[in-house]
Amino acid sequence: MAFVSVGQKYGFVSAGDVFRQRIADARAEERKKVEDERAKSEAEKLNTARGLLEDGVAMDMLVRRFNLTEEQICGK
């Protein structure tokens, strides 16, 4: 059986319910920040690899160094 707080049982919002909701909101916000930073990092890595390809760096070296596929680097 799932946890049921006193407030949930009797139909009011308790201080514990508010506290648990604040913790859940903070965790969700932190997860979103981490995901946004990860997406930004991936985009920067891809742009760097594409720039180096244009400058004449070998594709096999870029694939190994940046851990990307040729399709990702070429933009297909």
C-alpha atoms as a PDB file:
ATOM      1  CA  MET A   1       0.000   0.000   0.000  1.00  0.00           C
ATOM      2  CA  ALA A   2       1.285   3.452  -0.898  1.00  0.00           C
ATOM      3  CA  PHE A   3       2.125   6.040   1.738  1.00  0.00           C
ATOM      4  CA  VAL A   4      -0.848   8.232   2.651  1.00  0.00           C
ATOM      5  CA  SER A   5      -0.214  11.308   4.755  1.00  0.00           C
ATOM      6  CA  VAL A   6      -2.641  12.546   7.383  1.00  0.00           C
ATOM      7  CA  GLY A   7      -3.482  15.496   5.156  1.00  0.00           C
ATOM      8  CA  GLN A   8      -4.275  13.259   2.216  1.00  0.00           C
ATOM      9  CA  LYS A   9      -6.367  10.964   4.395  1.00  0.00           C
ATOM     10  CA  TYR A  10      -8.507  13.791   5.801  1.00  0.00           C
ATOM     11  CA  GLY A  11      -8.475  16.089   2.770  1.00  0.00           C
ATOM     12  CA  PHE A  12      -6.197  18.974   3.794  1.00  0.00           C
ATOM     13  CA  VAL A  13      -2.640  19.975   2.982  1.00  0.00           C
ATOM     14  CA  SER A  14      -0.284  19.349   5.862  1.00  0.00           C
ATOM     15  CA  ALA A  15       3.115  20.921   6.448  1.00  0.00           C
ATOM     16  CA  GLY A  16       4.706  17.587   5.557  1.00  0.00           C
ATOM     17  CA  ASP A  17       2.859  17.537   2.233  1.00  0.00           C
ATOM     18  CA  VAL A  18       4.165  21.024   1.443  1.00  0.00           C
ATOM     19  CA  PHE A  19       7.696  20.006   2.433  1.00  0.00           C
ATOM     20  CA  ARG A  20       7.615  16.861   0.268  1.00  0.00           C
ATOM     21  CA  GLN A  21       6.257  18.843  -2.688  1.00  0.00           C
ATOM     22  CA  ARG A  22       9.034  21.440  -2.367  1.00  0.00           C
ATOM     23  CA  ILE A  23      11.641  18.676  -2.353  1.00  0.00           C
ATOM     24  CA  ALA A  24      10.084  17.064  -5.431  1.00  0.00           C
ATOM     25  CA  ASP A  25       9.988  20.420  -7.247  1.00  0.00           C
ATOM     26  CA  ALA A  26      13.626  21.138  -6.401  1.00  0.00           C
ATOM     27  CA  ARG A  27      14.707  17.715  -7.666  1.00  0.00           C
ATOM     28  CA  ALA A  28      12.766  18.166 -10.907  1.00  0.00           C
ATOM     29  CA  GLU A  29      14.342  21.585 -11.444  1.00  0.00           C
ATOM     30  CA  GLU A  30      17.819  20.181 -10.824  1.00  0.00           C
ATOM     31  CA  ARG A  31      17.197  17.329 -13.284  1.00  0.00           C
ATOM     32  CA  LYS A  32      16.087  19.832 -15.927  1.00  0.00           C
ATOM     33  CA  LYS A  33      19.236  21.930 -15.409  1.00  0.00           C
ATOM     34  CA  VAL A  34      21.441  18.862 -15.805  1.00  0.00           C
ATOM     35  CA  GLU A  35      19.624  17.797 -18.974  1.00  0.00           C
ATOM     36  CA  ASP A  36      19.902  21.311 -20.445  1.00  0.00           C
ATOM     37  CA  GLU A  37      23.630  21.450 -19.685  1.00  0.00           C
ATOM     38  CA  ARG A  38      24.126  18.019 -21.230  1.00  0.00           C
ATOM     39  CA  ALA A  39      22.282  19.040 -24.409  1.00  0.00           C
ATOM     40  CA  LYS A  40      24.319  22.243 -24.637  1.00  0.00           C
ATOM     41  CA  SER A  41      27.551  20.283 -24.182  1.00  0.00           C
ATOM     42  CA  GLU A  42      26.582  17.811 -26.914  1.00  0.00           C
ATOM     43  CA  ALA A  43      25.765  20.662 -29.308  1.00  0.00           C
ATOM     44  CA  GLU A  44      29.115  22.337 -28.619  1.00  0.00           C
ATOM     45  CA  LYS A  45      30.945  19.042 -29.153  1.00  0.00           C
ATOM     46  CA  LEU A  46      29.159  18.523 -32.480  1.00  0.00           C
ATOM     47  CA  ASN A  47      29.909  22.063 -33.654  1.00  0.00           C
ATOM     48  CA  THR A  48      33.579  21.647 -32.747  1.00  0.00           C
ATOM     49  CA  ALA A  49      33.803  18.358 -34.650  1.00  0.00           C
ATOM     50  CA  ARG A  50      32.158  19.916 -37.723  1.00  0.00           C
ATOM     51  CA  GLY A  51      34.519  22.880 -37.588  1.00  0.00           C
ATOM     52  CA  LEU A  52      37.550  20.615 -37.396  1.00  0.00           C
ATOM     53  CA  LEU A  53      36.232  18.577 -40.334  1.00  0.00           C
ATOM     54  CA  GLU A  54      36.002  21.752 -42.388  1.00  0.00           C
ATOM     55  CA  ASP A  55      39.593  22.563 -41.389  1.00  0.00           C
ATOM     56  CA  GLY A  56      40.766  19.243 -42.841  1.00  0.00           C
ATOM     57  CA  VAL A  57      41.000  16.930 -39.842  1.00  0.00           C
ATOM     58  CA  ALA A  58      40.442  13.290 -40.812  1.00  0.00           C
ATOM     59  CA  MET A  59      36.965  11.874 -40.209  1.00  0.00           C
ATOM     60  CA  ASP A  60      38.240   8.729 -38.442  1.00  0.00           C
ATOM     61  CA  MET A  61      40.131  10.889 -35.942  1.00  0.00           C
ATOM     62  CA  LEU A  62      37.015  12.974 -35.231  1.00  0.00           C
ATOM     63  CA  VAL A  63      34.888   9.857 -34.760  1.00  0.00           C
ATOM     64  CA  ARG A  64      37.355   8.464 -32.209  1.00  0.00           C
ATOM     65  CA  ARG A  65      38.040  11.743 -30.401  1.00  0.00           C
ATOM     66  CA  PHE A  66      34.455  12.995 -30.070  1.00  0.00           C
ATOM     67  CA  ASN A  67      32.709   9.612 -29.844  1.00  0.00           C
ATOM     68  CA  LEU A  68      30.281  10.588 -32.611  1.00  0.00           C
ATOM     69  CA  THR A  69      29.238   8.778 -35.787  1.00  0.00           C
ATOM     70  CA  GLU A  70      30.099   9.984 -39.271  1.00  0.00           C
ATOM     71  CA  GLU A  71      26.401  10.668 -39.882  1.00  0.00           C
ATOM     72  CA  GLN A  72      26.189  12.925 -36.836  1.00  0.00           C
ATOM     73  CA  ILE A  73      29.270  14.887 -37.854  1.00  0.00           C
ATOM     74  CA  CYS A  74      28.182  15.250 -41.483  1.00  0.00           C
ATOM     75  CA  GLY A  75      24.671  16.273 -40.400  1.00  0.00           C
ATOM     76  CA  LYS A  76      22.749  13.522 -42.186  1.00  0.00           C
END
